[in-house]
PDB file of N, CA and C in Angstrom:
ATOM      1  N   MET A   1     107.267 135.765  81.926  1.00  0.00           N
ATOM      2  CA  MET A   1     106.737 136.195  83.201  1.00  0.00           C
ATOM      3  C   MET A   1     107.779 135.903  84.271  1.00  0.00           C
ATOM      4  N   ARG A   2     108.076 136.874  85.064  1.00  0.00           N
ATOM      5  CA  ARG A   2     109.072 136.726  86.119  1.00  0.00           C
ATOM      6  C   ARG A   2     108.391 136.629  87.467  1.00  0.00           C
ATOM      7  N   PHE A   3     108.948 135.761  88.317  1.00  0.00           N
ATOM      8  CA  PHE A   3     108.464 135.627  89.679  1.00  0.00           C
ATOM      9  C   PHE A   3     109.566 136.058  90.623  1.00  0.00           C
ATOM     10  N   SER A   4     109.188 136.747  91.631  1.00  0.00           N
ATOM     11  CA  SER A   4     110.180 137.116  92.631  1.00  0.00           C
ATOM     12  C   SER A   4     110.268 136.030  93.684  1.00  0.00           C
ATOM     13  N   ASN A   5     111.356 136.006  94.406  1.00  0.00           N
ATOM     14  CA  ASN A   5     111.535 135.010  95.467  1.00  0.00           C
ATOM     15  C   ASN A   5     110.509 135.178  96.574  1.00  0.00           C
ATOM     16  N   ASN A   6     110.061 136.390  96.800  1.00  0.00           N
ATOM     17  CA  ASN A   6     109.097 136.632  97.873  1.00  0.00           C
ATOM     18  C   ASN A   6     107.755 135.968  97.594  1.00  0.00           C
ATOM     19  N   SER A   7     107.367 135.856  96.329  1.00  0.00           N
ATOM     20  CA  SER A   7     106.069 135.247  96.020  1.00  0.00           C
ATOM     21  C   SER A   7     106.080 133.749  96.324  1.00  0.00           C
ATOM     22  N   PHE A   8     107.218 133.085  96.200  1.00  0.00           N
ATOM     23  CA  PHE A   8     107.293 131.667  96.501  1.00  0.00           C
ATOM     24  C   PHE A   8     107.471 131.392  97.986  1.00  0.00           C
ATOM     25  N   GLN A   9     108.088 132.310  98.698  1.00  0.00           N
ATOM     26  CA  GLN A   9     108.328 132.092 100.119  1.00  0.00           C
ATOM     27  C   GLN A   9     107.053 132.189 100.940  1.00  0.00           C
ATOM     28  N   SER A  10     106.041 132.835 100.441  1.00  0.00           N
ATOM     29  CA  SER A  10     104.816 132.996 101.206  1.00  0.00           C
ATOM     30  C   SER A  10     103.882 131.792 101.067  1.00  0.00           C
ATOM     31  N   HIS A  11     104.199 130.858 100.213  1.00  0.00           N
ATOM     32  CA  HIS A  11     103.344 129.689 100.000  1.00  0.00           C
ATOM     33  C   HIS A  11     103.998 128.455 100.597  1.00  0.00           C
ATOM     34  N   CYS A  12     103.273 127.799 101.482  1.00  0.00           N
ATOM     35  CA  CYS A  12     103.745 126.542 102.066  1.00  0.00           C
ATOM     36  C   CYS A  12     102.842 125.411 101.596  1.00  0.00           C
ATOM     37  N   LEU A  13     103.398 124.261 101.475  1.00  0.00           N
ATOM     38  CA  LEU A  13     102.603 123.104 101.066  1.00  0.00           C
ATOM     39  C   LEU A  13     101.865 122.544 102.279  1.00  0.00           C
ATOM     40  N   SER A  14     100.655 122.088 102.046  1.00  0.00           N
ATOM     41  CA  SER A  14      99.873 121.499 103.136  1.00  0.00           C
ATOM     42  C   SER A  14     100.419 120.108 103.457  1.00  0.00           C
ATOM     43  N   ASP A  15     100.021 119.600 104.617  1.00  0.00           N
ATOM     44  CA  ASP A  15     100.470 118.267 105.025  1.00  0.00           C
ATOM     45  C   ASP A  15      99.958 117.197 104.064  1.00  0.00           C
ATOM     46  N   ASN A  16      98.727 117.350 103.577  1.00  0.00           N
ATOM     47  CA  ASN A  16      98.193 116.363 102.634  1.00  0.00           C
ATOM     48  C   ASN A  16      98.966 116.374 101.324  1.00  0.00           C
ATOM     49  N   PHE A  17      99.442 117.538 100.897  1.00  0.00           N
ATOM     50  CA  PHE A  17     100.217 117.622  99.676  1.00  0.00           C
ATOM     51  C   PHE A  17     101.612 117.017  99.853  1.00  0.00           C
ATOM     52  N   MET A  18     102.134 117.081 101.075  1.00  0.00           N
ATOM     53  CA  MET A  18     103.463 116.546 101.364  1.00  0.00           C
ATOM     54  C   MET A  18     103.459 115.029 101.519  1.00  0.00           C
ATOM     55  N   ARG A  19     102.301 114.418 101.666  1.00  0.00           N
ATOM     56  CA  ARG A  19     102.232 112.963 101.807  1.00  0.00           C
ATOM     57  C   ARG A  19     102.705 112.291 100.532  1.00  0.00           C
ATOM     58  N   LEU A  20     103.205 111.073 100.677  1.00  0.00           N
ATOM     59  CA  LEU A  20     103.783 110.371  99.542  1.00  0.00           C
ATOM     60  C   LEU A  20     102.781 109.440  98.863  1.00  0.00           C
ATOM     61  N   THR A  21     101.511 109.500  99.267  1.00  0.00           N
ATOM     62  CA  THR A  21     100.476 108.675  98.645  1.00  0.00           C
ATOM     63  C   THR A  21      99.522 109.560  97.872  1.00  0.00           C
ATOM     64  N   GLY A  22      98.787 108.939  96.969  1.00  0.00           N
ATOM     65  CA  GLY A  22      97.888 109.700  96.122  1.00  0.00           C
ATOM     66  C   GLY A  22      96.515 109.918  96.718  1.00  0.00           C
ATOM     67  N   SER A  23      95.938 108.902  97.322  1.00  0.00           N
ATOM     68  CA  SER A  23      94.576 109.000  97.831  1.00  0.00           C
ATOM     69  C   SER A  23      94.528 108.602  99.303  1.00  0.00           C
ATOM     70  N   PRO A  24      93.472 108.978 100.005  1.00  0.00           N
ATOM     71  CA  PRO A  24      93.338 108.548 101.404  1.00  0.00           C
ATOM     72  C   PRO A  24      93.230 107.032 101.551  1.00  0.00           C
ATOM     73  N   PHE A  25      92.598 106.366 100.580  1.00  0.00           N
ATOM     74  CA  PHE A  25      92.511 104.902 100.625  1.00  0.00           C
ATOM     75  C   PHE A  25      93.898 104.272 100.529  1.00  0.00           C
ATOM     76  N   GLU A  26      94.707 104.773  99.596  1.00  0.00           N
ATOM     77  CA  GLU A  26      96.073 104.268  99.446  1.00  0.00           C
ATOM     78  C   GLU A  26      96.895 104.530 100.704  1.00  0.00           C
ATOM     79  N   HIS A  27      96.687 105.686 101.314  1.00  0.00           N
ATOM     80  CA  HIS A  27      97.401 106.020 102.547  1.00  0.00           C
ATOM     81  C   HIS A  27      97.043 105.039 103.663  1.00  0.00           C
ATOM     82  N   ARG A  28      95.742 104.758 103.845  1.00  0.00           N
ATOM     83  CA  ARG A  28      95.324 103.808 104.887  1.00  0.00           C
ATOM     84  C   ARG A  28      95.826 102.403 104.582  1.00  0.00           C
ATOM     85  N   LEU A  29      95.808 102.028 103.315  1.00  0.00           N
ATOM     86  CA  LEU A  29      96.283 100.705 102.916  1.00  0.00           C
ATOM     87  C   LEU A  29      97.759 100.532 103.256  1.00  0.00           C
ATOM     88  N   GLN A  30      98.567 101.516 102.925  1.00  0.00           N
ATOM     89  CA  GLN A  30      99.994 101.422 103.204  1.00  0.00           C
ATOM     90  C   GLN A  30     100.322 101.657 104.671  1.00  0.00           C
ATOM     91  N   LEU A  31      99.428 102.269 105.393  1.00  0.00           N
ATOM     92  CA  LEU A  31      99.665 102.529 106.806  1.00  0.00           C
ATOM     93  C   LEU A  31      99.296 101.336 107.686  1.00  0.00           C
ATOM     94  N   TYR A  32      98.233 100.616 107.330  1.00  0.00           N
ATOM     95  CA  TYR A  32      97.731  99.545 108.192  1.00  0.00           C
ATOM     96  C   TYR A  32      97.916  98.139 107.627  1.00  0.00           C
ATOM     97  N   VAL A  33      97.731  97.954 106.331  1.00  0.00           N
ATOM     98  CA  VAL A  33      97.757  96.609 105.746  1.00  0.00           C
ATOM     99  C   VAL A  33      99.170  96.175 105.392  1.00  0.00           C
ATOM    100  N   TYR A  34      99.926  97.004 104.699  1.00  0.00           N
ATOM    101  CA  TYR A  34     101.250  96.604 104.233  1.00  0.00           C
ATOM    102  C   TYR A  34     102.231  96.245 105.345  1.00  0.00           C
ATOM    103  N   PRO A  35     102.273  96.981 106.465  1.00  0.00           N
ATOM    104  CA  PRO A  35     103.197  96.545 107.530  1.00  0.00           C
ATOM    105  C   PRO A  35     102.851  95.156 108.069  1.00  0.00           C
ATOM    106  N   PHE A  36     101.557  94.867 108.204  1.00  0.00           N
ATOM    107  CA  PHE A  36     101.140  93.542 108.663  1.00  0.00           C
ATOM    108  C   PHE A  36     101.521  92.466 107.658  1.00  0.00           C
ATOM    109  N   VAL A  37     101.269  92.714 106.372  1.00  0.00           N
ATOM    110  CA  VAL A  37     101.592  91.742 105.327  1.00  0.00           C
ATOM    111  C   VAL A  37     103.104  91.530 105.249  1.00  0.00           C
ATOM    112  N   SER A  38     103.872  92.599 105.341  1.00  0.00           N
ATOM    113  CA  SER A  38     105.333  92.478 105.278  1.00  0.00           C
ATOM    114  C   SER A  38     105.874  91.690 106.464  1.00  0.00           C
ATOM    115  N   THR A  39     105.406  92.016 107.659  1.00  0.00           N
ATOM    116  CA  THR A  39     105.869  91.308 108.849  1.00  0.00           C
ATOM    117  C   THR A  39     105.481  89.838 108.797  1.00  0.00           C
ATOM    118  N   PHE A  40     104.235  89.578 108.473  1.00  0.00           N
ATOM    119  CA  PHE A  40     103.749  88.206 108.383  1.00  0.00           C
ATOM    120  C   PHE A  40     104.498  87.427 107.300  1.00  0.00           C
ATOM    121  N   GLY A  41     104.755  88.063 106.160  1.00  0.00           N
ATOM    122  CA  GLY A  41     105.464  87.405 105.061  1.00  0.00           C
ATOM    123  C   GLY A  41     106.916  87.114 105.385  1.00  0.00           C
ATOM    124  N   ILE A  42     107.598  88.050 106.011  1.00  0.00           N
ATOM    125  CA  ILE A  42     109.008  87.838 106.349  1.00  0.00           C
ATOM    126  C   ILE A  42     109.148  86.739 107.395  1.00  0.00           C
ATOM    127  N   VAL A  43     108.312  86.783 108.439  1.00  0.00           N
ATOM    128  CA  VAL A  43     108.377  85.745 109.472  1.00  0.00           C
ATOM    129  C   VAL A  43     108.011  84.384 108.894  1.00  0.00           C
ATOM    130  N   GLY A  44     106.969  84.329 108.075  1.00  0.00           N
ATOM    131  CA  GLY A  44     106.570  83.060 107.462  1.00  0.00           C
ATOM    132  C   GLY A  44     107.636  82.483 106.549  1.00  0.00           C
ATOM    133  N   ASN A  45     108.278  83.332 105.768  1.00  0.00           N
ATOM    134  CA  ASN A  45     109.333  82.846 104.878  1.00  0.00           C
ATOM    135  C   ASN A  45     110.584  82.431 105.655  1.00  0.00           C
ATOM    136  N   LEU A  46     110.860  83.082 106.778  1.00  0.00           N
ATOM    137  CA  LEU A  46     111.982  82.633 107.618  1.00  0.00           C
ATOM    138  C   LEU A  46     111.704  81.250 108.205  1.00  0.00           C
ATOM    139  N   ILE A  47     110.464  81.012 108.605  1.00  0.00           N
ATOM    140  CA  ILE A  47     110.097  79.670 109.090  1.00  0.00           C
ATOM    141  C   ILE A  47     110.221  78.650 107.964  1.00  0.00           C
ATOM    142  N   ASN A  48     109.774  79.024 106.765  1.00  0.00           N
ATOM    143  CA  ASN A  48     109.934  78.131 105.605  1.00  0.00           C
ATOM    144  C   ASN A  48     111.400  77.811 105.353  1.00  0.00           C
ATOM    145  N   LEU A  49     112.258  78.815 105.463  1.00  0.00           N
ATOM    146  CA  LEU A  49     113.687  78.578 105.228  1.00  0.00           C
ATOM    147  C   LEU A  49     114.271  77.609 106.244  1.00  0.00           C
ATOM    148  N   THR A  50     113.857  77.723 107.501  1.00  0.00           N
ATOM    149  CA  THR A  50     114.403  76.803 108.506  1.00  0.00           C
ATOM    150  C   THR A  50     113.996  75.365 108.219  1.00  0.00           C
ATOM    151  N   VAL A  51     112.801  75.179 107.695  1.00  0.00           N
ATOM    152  CA  VAL A  51     112.354  73.818 107.371  1.00  0.00           C
ATOM    153  C   VAL A  51     112.980  73.326 106.073  1.00  0.00           C
ATOM    154  N   LEU A  52     112.975  74.184 105.048  1.00  0.00           N
ATOM    155  CA  LEU A  52     113.436  73.758 103.727  1.00  0.00           C
ATOM    156  C   LEU A  52     114.942  73.525 103.661  1.00  0.00           C
ATOM    157  N   LEU A  53     115.716  74.224 104.473  1.00  0.00           N
ATOM    158  CA  LEU A  53     117.161  74.038 104.419  1.00  0.00           C
ATOM    159  C   LEU A  53     117.616  72.752 105.110  1.00  0.00           C
ATOM    160  N   THR A  54     116.727  72.126 105.873  1.00  0.00           N
ATOM    161  CA  THR A  54     117.080  70.834 106.480  1.00  0.00           C
ATOM    162  C   THR A  54     116.881  69.691 105.482  1.00  0.00           C
ATOM    163  N   MET A  55     116.011  69.897 104.496  1.00  0.00           N
ATOM    164  CA  MET A  55     115.786  68.872 103.470  1.00  0.00           C
ATOM    165  C   MET A  55     116.740  69.123 102.308  1.00  0.00           C
ATOM    166  N   ARG A  56     117.166  68.058 101.678  1.00  0.00           N
ATOM    167  CA  ARG A  56     118.115  68.198 100.572  1.00  0.00           C
ATOM    168  C   ARG A  56     117.586  67.506  99.323  1.00  0.00           C
ATOM    169  N   ASN A  57     116.785  68.231  98.564  1.00  0.00           N
ATOM    170  CA  ASN A  57     116.425  67.801  97.221  1.00  0.00           C
ATOM    171  C   ASN A  57     116.218  69.043  96.364  1.00  0.00           C
ATOM    172  N   ARG A  58     115.996  68.827  95.097  1.00  0.00           N
ATOM    173  CA  ARG A  58     115.951  69.954  94.178  1.00  0.00           C
ATOM    174  C   ARG A  58     114.755  70.862  94.443  1.00  0.00           C
ATOM    175  N   SER A  59     113.614  70.281  94.727  1.00  0.00           N
ATOM    176  CA  SER A  59     112.419  71.092  94.975  1.00  0.00           C
ATOM    177  C   SER A  59     112.567  71.944  96.230  1.00  0.00           C
ATOM    178  N   SER A  60     113.122  71.385  97.281  1.00  0.00           N
ATOM    179  CA  SER A  60     113.283  72.169  98.505  1.00  0.00           C
ATOM    180  C   SER A  60     114.304  73.287  98.316  1.00  0.00           C
ATOM    181  N   ASN A  61     115.331  73.055  97.504  1.00  0.00           N
ATOM    182  CA  ASN A  61     116.293  74.129  97.219  1.00  0.00           C
ATOM    183  C   ASN A  61     115.637  75.261  96.429  1.00  0.00           C
ATOM    184  N   LEU A  62     114.778  74.909  95.462  1.00  0.00           N
ATOM    185  CA  LEU A  62     114.079  75.937  94.697  1.00  0.00           C
ATOM    186  C   LEU A  62     113.090  76.695  95.570  1.00  0.00           C
ATOM    187  N   LEU A  63     112.404  75.999  96.459  1.00  0.00           N
ATOM    188  CA  LEU A  63     111.476  76.664  97.363  1.00  0.00           C
ATOM    189  C   LEU A  63     112.215  77.540  98.377  1.00  0.00           C
ATOM    190  N   ALA A  64     113.399  77.133  98.792  1.00  0.00           N
ATOM    191  CA  ALA A  64     114.212  77.970  99.678  1.00  0.00           C
ATOM    192  C   ALA A  64     114.656  79.241  98.956  1.00  0.00           C
ATOM    193  N   ALA A  65     115.032  79.105  97.697  1.00  0.00           N
ATOM    194  CA  ALA A  65     115.396  80.288  96.905  1.00  0.00           C
ATOM    195  C   ALA A  65     114.178  81.196  96.714  1.00  0.00           C
ATOM    196  N   LEU A  66     113.005  80.600  96.555  1.00  0.00           N
ATOM    197  CA  LEU A  66     111.774  81.381  96.446  1.00  0.00           C
ATOM    198  C   LEU A  66     111.500  82.143  97.740  1.00  0.00           C
ATOM    199  N   ALA A  67     111.719  81.504  98.880  1.00  0.00           N
ATOM    200  CA  ALA A  67     111.525  82.180 100.164  1.00  0.00           C
ATOM    201  C   ALA A  67     112.511  83.342 100.312  1.00  0.00           C
ATOM    202  N   CYS A  68     113.740  83.167  99.862  1.00  0.00           N
ATOM    203  CA  CYS A  68     114.727  84.260  99.921  1.00  0.00           C
ATOM    204  C   CYS A  68     114.312  85.421  99.018  1.00  0.00           C
ATOM    205  N   ALA A  69     113.811  85.099  97.825  1.00  0.00           N
ATOM    206  CA  ALA A  69     113.351  86.151  96.913  1.00  0.00           C
ATOM    207  C   ALA A  69     112.161  86.892  97.506  1.00  0.00           C
ATOM    208  N   ASP A  70     111.262  86.181  98.171  1.00  0.00           N
ATOM    209  CA  ASP A  70     110.120  86.828  98.810  1.00  0.00           C
ATOM    210  C   ASP A  70     110.556  87.714  99.972  1.00  0.00           C
ATOM    211  N   ILE A  71     111.507  87.257 100.760  1.00  0.00           N
ATOM    212  CA  ILE A  71     112.010  88.067 101.871  1.00  0.00           C
ATOM    213  C   ILE A  71     112.666  89.343 101.340  1.00  0.00           C
ATOM    214  N   LEU A  72     113.443  89.211 100.277  1.00  0.00           N
ATOM    215  CA  LEU A  72     114.078  90.390  99.681  1.00  0.00           C
ATOM    216  C   LEU A  72     113.022  91.357  99.158  1.00  0.00           C
ATOM    217  N   PHE A  73     111.990  90.834  98.493  1.00  0.00           N
ATOM    218  CA  PHE A  73     110.916  91.692  97.977  1.00  0.00           C
ATOM    219  C   PHE A  73     110.221  92.434  99.106  1.00  0.00           C
ATOM    220  N   LEU A  74     109.834  91.711 100.146  1.00  0.00           N
ATOM    221  CA  LEU A  74     109.120  92.339 101.256  1.00  0.00           C
ATOM    222  C   LEU A  74     109.997  93.347 101.997  1.00  0.00           C
ATOM    223  N   THR A  75     111.278  93.080 102.082  1.00  0.00           N
ATOM    224  CA  THR A  75     112.199  94.008 102.732  1.00  0.00           C
ATOM    225  C   THR A  75     112.343  95.300 101.923  1.00  0.00           C
ATOM    226  N   MET A  76     112.338  95.188 100.604  1.00  0.00           N
ATOM    227  CA  MET A  76     112.464  96.368  99.756  1.00  0.00           C
ATOM    228  C   MET A  76     111.198  97.227  99.771  1.00  0.00           C
ATOM    229  N   ILE A  77     110.062  96.650 100.135  1.00  0.00           N
ATOM    230  CA  ILE A  77     108.800  97.381 100.175  1.00  0.00           C
ATOM    231  C   ILE A  77     108.606  98.102 101.521  1.00  0.00           C
ATOM    232  N   VAL A  78     109.285  97.654 102.564  1.00  0.00           N
ATOM    233  CA  VAL A  78     109.097  98.222 103.902  1.00  0.00           C
ATOM    234  C   VAL A  78     109.357  99.737 103.951  1.00  0.00           C
ATOM    235  N   PRO A  79     110.426 100.284 103.350  1.00  0.00           N
ATOM    236  CA  PRO A  79     110.612 101.747 103.419  1.00  0.00           C
ATOM    237  C   PRO A  79     109.471 102.531 102.769  1.00  0.00           C
ATOM    238  N   ASN A  80     108.867 101.977 101.732  1.00  0.00           N
ATOM    239  CA  ASN A  80     107.727 102.639 101.101  1.00  0.00           C
ATOM    240  C   ASN A  80     106.554 102.718 102.060  1.00  0.00           C
ATOM    241  N   SER A  81     106.356 101.672 102.835  1.00  0.00           N
ATOM    242  CA  SER A  81     105.298 101.685 103.837  1.00  0.00           C
ATOM    243  C   SER A  81     105.648 102.613 104.999  1.00  0.00           C
ATOM    244  N   MET A  82     106.917 102.632 105.388  1.00  0.00           N
ATOM    245  CA  MET A  82     107.354 103.499 106.487  1.00  0.00           C
ATOM    246  C   MET A  82     107.183 104.974 106.139  1.00  0.00           C
ATOM    247  N   ALA A  83     107.247 105.307 104.863  1.00  0.00           N
ATOM    248  CA  ALA A  83     107.140 106.698 104.434  1.00  0.00           C
ATOM    249  C   ALA A  83     105.733 107.256 104.631  1.00  0.00           C
ATOM    250  N   ASN A  84     104.778 106.429 105.008  1.00  0.00           N
ATOM    251  CA  ASN A  84     103.409 106.899 105.222  1.00  0.00           C
ATOM    252  C   ASN A  84     103.110 107.245 106.675  1.00  0.00           C
ATOM    253  N   PHE A  85     103.996 106.909 107.580  1.00  0.00           N
ATOM    254  CA  PHE A  85     103.817 107.299 108.971  1.00  0.00           C
ATOM    255  C   PHE A  85     104.222 108.767 109.117  1.00  0.00           C
ATOM    256  N   ASP A  86     103.399 109.543 109.795  1.00  0.00           N
ATOM    257  CA  ASP A  86     103.612 110.993 109.857  1.00  0.00           C
ATOM    258  C   ASP A  86     104.967 111.378 110.427  1.00  0.00           C
ATOM    259  N   THR A  87     105.451 110.627 111.412  1.00  0.00           N
ATOM    260  CA  THR A  87     106.743 110.987 112.007  1.00  0.00           C
ATOM    261  C   THR A  87     107.880 110.870 110.996  1.00  0.00           C
ATOM    262  N   LEU A  88     107.777 109.933 110.083  1.00  0.00           N
ATOM    263  CA  LEU A  88     108.813 109.782 109.052  1.00  0.00           C
ATOM    264  C   LEU A  88     108.475 110.553 107.781  1.00  0.00           C
ATOM    265  N   ALA A  89     107.188 110.672 107.457  1.00  0.00           N
ATOM    266  CA  ALA A  89     106.792 111.341 106.214  1.00  0.00           C
ATOM    267  C   ALA A  89     107.180 112.812 106.206  1.00  0.00           C
ATOM    268  N   PHE A  90     107.186 113.443 107.375  1.00  0.00           N
ATOM    269  CA  PHE A  90     107.511 114.862 107.439  1.00  0.00           C
ATOM    270  C   PHE A  90     108.912 115.122 107.987  1.00  0.00           C
ATOM    271  N   ASN A  91     109.687 114.077 108.157  1.00  0.00           N
ATOM    272  CA  ASN A  91     111.072 114.199 108.599  1.00  0.00           C
ATOM    273  C   ASN A  91     111.947 114.410 107.357  1.00  0.00           C
ATOM    274  N   TYR A  92     112.623 115.534 107.292  1.00  0.00           N
ATOM    275  CA  TYR A  92     113.381 115.869 106.092  1.00  0.00           C
ATOM    276  C   TYR A  92     114.563 114.934 105.860  1.00  0.00           C
ATOM    277  N   THR A  93     115.169 114.441 106.921  1.00  0.00           N
ATOM    278  CA  THR A  93     116.290 113.513 106.754  1.00  0.00           C
ATOM    279  C   THR A  93     115.813 112.209 106.141  1.00  0.00           C
ATOM    280  N   PHE A  94     114.711 111.659 106.657  1.00  0.00           N
ATOM    281  CA  PHE A  94     114.159 110.430 106.083  1.00  0.00           C
ATOM    282  C   PHE A  94     113.738 110.646 104.633  1.00  0.00           C
ATOM    283  N   ARG A  95     113.083 111.766 104.355  1.00  0.00           N
ATOM    284  CA  ARG A  95     112.635 112.037 102.979  1.00  0.00           C
ATOM    285  C   ARG A  95     113.826 112.138 102.029  1.00  0.00           C
ATOM    286  N   TRP A  96     114.903 112.783 102.472  1.00  0.00           N
ATOM    287  CA  TRP A  96     116.071 112.928 101.610  1.00  0.00           C
ATOM    288  C   TRP A  96     116.673 111.553 101.306  1.00  0.00           C
ATOM    289  N   ILE A  97     116.844 110.719 102.335  1.00  0.00           N
ATOM    290  CA  ILE A  97     117.397 109.372 102.138  1.00  0.00           C
ATOM    291  C   ILE A  97     116.449 108.527 101.305  1.00  0.00           C
ATOM    292  N   TYR A  98     115.157 108.605 101.616  1.00  0.00           N
ATOM    293  CA  TYR A  98     114.167 107.793 100.898  1.00  0.00           C
ATOM    294  C   TYR A  98     114.111 108.155  99.414  1.00  0.00           C
ATOM    295  N   PHE A  99     114.093 109.447  99.110  1.00  0.00           N
ATOM    296  CA  PHE A  99     114.029 109.843  97.707  1.00  0.00           C
ATOM    297  C   PHE A  99     115.308 109.506  96.949  1.00  0.00           C
ATOM    298  N   ARG A 100     116.431 109.484  97.621  1.00  0.00           N
ATOM    299  CA  ARG A 100     117.682 109.084  96.977  1.00  0.00           C
ATOM    300  C   ARG A 100     117.699 107.584  96.679  1.00  0.00           C
ATOM    301  N   LEU A 101     117.095 106.784  97.564  1.00  0.00           N
ATOM    302  CA  LEU A 101     117.150 105.326  97.423  1.00  0.00           C
ATOM    303  C   LEU A 101     115.911 104.710  96.786  1.00  0.00           C
ATOM    304  N   LYS A 102     114.862 105.494  96.580  1.00  0.00           N
ATOM    305  CA  LYS A 102     113.576 104.939  96.138  1.00  0.00           C
ATOM    306  C   LYS A 102     113.689 104.150  94.836  1.00  0.00           C
ATOM    307  N   MET A 103     114.362 104.670  93.850  1.00  0.00           N
ATOM    308  CA  MET A 103     114.479 103.973  92.561  1.00  0.00           C
ATOM    309  C   MET A 103     115.247 102.660  92.699  1.00  0.00           C
ATOM    310  N   TYR A 104     116.273 102.644  93.531  1.00  0.00           N
ATOM    311  CA  TYR A 104     117.038 101.419  93.739  1.00  0.00           C
ATOM    312  C   TYR A 104     116.201 100.376  94.482  1.00  0.00           C
ATOM    313  N   LEU A 105     115.421 100.823  95.469  1.00  0.00           N
ATOM    314  CA  LEU A 105     114.554  99.903  96.199  1.00  0.00           C
ATOM    315  C   LEU A 105     113.506  99.294  95.278  1.00  0.00           C
ATOM    316  N   ILE A 106     112.910 100.126  94.423  1.00  0.00           N
ATOM    317  CA  ILE A 106     111.914  99.624  93.482  1.00  0.00           C
ATOM    318  C   ILE A 106     112.551  98.664  92.486  1.00  0.00           C
ATOM    319  N   THR A 107     113.763  98.984  92.046  1.00  0.00           N
ATOM    320  CA  THR A 107     114.459  98.106  91.099  1.00  0.00           C
ATOM    321  C   THR A 107     114.718  96.729  91.709  1.00  0.00           C
ATOM    322  N   PHE A 108     115.250  96.703  92.931  1.00  0.00           N
ATOM    323  CA  PHE A 108     115.510  95.412  93.577  1.00  0.00           C
ATOM    324  C   PHE A 108     114.216  94.672  93.894  1.00  0.00           C
ATOM    325  N   ALA A 109     113.161  95.397  94.234  1.00  0.00           N
ATOM    326  CA  ALA A 109     111.872  94.750  94.487  1.00  0.00           C
ATOM    327  C   ALA A 109     111.336  94.112  93.208  1.00  0.00           C
ATOM    328  N   ASN A 110     111.460  94.810  92.082  1.00  0.00           N
ATOM    329  CA  ASN A 110     110.995  94.240  90.810  1.00  0.00           C
ATOM    330  C   ASN A 110     111.821  93.029  90.403  1.00  0.00           C
ATOM    331  N   TRP A 111     113.120  93.100  90.588  1.00  0.00           N
ATOM    332  CA  TRP A 111     113.975  91.967  90.240  1.00  0.00           C
ATOM    333  C   TRP A 111     113.684  90.754  91.114  1.00  0.00           C
ATOM    334  N   SER A 112     113.491  90.982  92.410  1.00  0.00           N
ATOM    335  CA  SER A 112     113.197  89.847  93.291  1.00  0.00           C
ATOM    336  C   SER A 112     111.813  89.287  93.006  1.00  0.00           C
ATOM    337  N   SER A 113     110.872  90.131  92.617  1.00  0.00           N
ATOM    338  CA  SER A 113     109.547  89.643  92.225  1.00  0.00           C
ATOM    339  C   SER A 113     109.633  88.807  90.955  1.00  0.00           C
ATOM    340  N   ALA A 114     110.416  89.248  89.992  1.00  0.00           N
ATOM    341  CA  ALA A 114     110.601  88.472  88.761  1.00  0.00           C
ATOM    342  C   ALA A 114     111.305  87.154  89.053  1.00  0.00           C
ATOM    343  N   ALA A 115     112.291  87.180  89.935  1.00  0.00           N
ATOM    344  CA  ALA A 115     112.978  85.939  90.310  1.00  0.00           C
ATOM    345  C   ALA A 115     112.019  84.976  90.993  1.00  0.00           C
ATOM    346  N   ALA A 116     111.125  85.506  91.844  1.00  0.00           N
ATOM    347  CA  ALA A 116     110.141  84.648  92.514  1.00  0.00           C
ATOM    348  C   ALA A 116     109.204  84.002  91.499  1.00  0.00           C
ATOM    349  N   ILE A 117     108.800  84.755  90.500  1.00  0.00           N
ATOM    350  CA  ILE A 117     107.918  84.191  89.468  1.00  0.00           C
ATOM    351  C   ILE A 117     108.616  83.068  88.728  1.00  0.00           C
ATOM    352  N   TRP A 118     109.870  83.272  88.335  1.00  0.00           N
ATOM    353  CA  TRP A 118     110.601  82.232  87.618  1.00  0.00           C
ATOM    354  C   TRP A 118     110.882  81.027  88.505  1.00  0.00           C
ATOM    355  N   LEU A 119     111.104  81.263  89.781  1.00  0.00           N
ATOM    356  CA  LEU A 119     111.321  80.139  90.693  1.00  0.00           C
ATOM    357  C   LEU A 119     110.045  79.323  90.877  1.00  0.00           C
ATOM    358  N   VAL A 120     108.891  79.977  90.923  1.00  0.00           N
ATOM    359  CA  VAL A 120     107.630  79.235  90.999  1.00  0.00           C
ATOM    360  C   VAL A 120     107.443  78.393  89.749  1.00  0.00           C
ATOM    361  N   MET A 121     107.752  78.966  88.598  1.00  0.00           N
ATOM    362  CA  MET A 121     107.627  78.203  87.348  1.00  0.00           C
ATOM    363  C   MET A 121     108.578  77.010  87.338  1.00  0.00           C
ATOM    364  N   SER A 122     109.783  77.175  87.850  1.00  0.00           N
ATOM    365  CA  SER A 122     110.731  76.061  87.856  1.00  0.00           C
ATOM    366  C   SER A 122     110.324  75.001  88.874  1.00  0.00           C
ATOM    367  N   VAL A 123     109.701  75.389  89.978  1.00  0.00           N
ATOM    368  CA  VAL A 123     109.207  74.398  90.939  1.00  0.00           C
ATOM    369  C   VAL A 123     108.102  73.578  90.296  1.00  0.00           C
ATOM    370  N   PHE A 124     107.177  74.241  89.618  1.00  0.00           N
ATOM    371  CA  PHE A 124     106.094  73.511  88.940  1.00  0.00           C
ATOM    372  C   PHE A 124     106.649  72.604  87.853  1.00  0.00           C
ATOM    373  N   HIS A 125     107.653  73.063  87.126  1.00  0.00           N
ATOM    374  CA  HIS A 125     108.251  72.232  86.083  1.00  0.00           C
ATOM    375  C   HIS A 125     108.965  71.038  86.707  1.00  0.00           C
ATOM    376  N   ASN A 126     109.602  71.242  87.853  1.00  0.00           N
ATOM    377  CA  ASN A 126     110.327  70.167  88.510  1.00  0.00           C
ATOM    378  C   ASN A 126     109.375  69.121  89.083  1.00  0.00           C
ATOM    379  N   LEU A 127     108.210  69.539  89.539  1.00  0.00           N
ATOM    380  CA  LEU A 127     107.247  68.597  90.108  1.00  0.00           C
ATOM    381  C   LEU A 127     106.484  67.839  89.038  1.00  0.00           C
ATOM    382  N   ALA A 128     106.403  68.390  87.843  1.00  0.00           N
ATOM    383  CA  ALA A 128     105.624  67.741  86.782  1.00  0.00           C
ATOM    384  C   ALA A 128     106.386  66.588  86.156  1.00  0.00           C
TER     385      ALA A 128
END
C-alpha cells in the first residue's frame, strides 16, 4: 500500500498527543510535585553538605557522598519535569535537545541512584 505525501501533510498531532507524559495524572504529578521535590531535595542536600564537610570522620564523608549522589540524581530528573511545561513541551528546540540527551540523563540518574543505595548500605555497615 502506497501513501502519498499529501495524505500525511493534512494530519496534525493534537497537543495532548504531543505531550511527553502518558496520563493526565502523570502530567499533573510531574508539573506540580516533582519541581517542588527536586528544589527541596537539592537545597536540603546542599545544607547537609555544608554541615557534613565541616566534620571529619568516615560516616560524615559517606553521608556527604550520599548528598552529592542525591543532588546529581535530582539534577538529572529536572529536565524531565521541565518537559511537561507547555512553553517547553511544544518548543521544537527544547524537544530536539531533550530527546538527544534523554537517554544520557536517565543513565546518569540511574547510576547516581545506585550509588546512593550503596552509600546508604555502607553508612549502615559503618555504624553497626
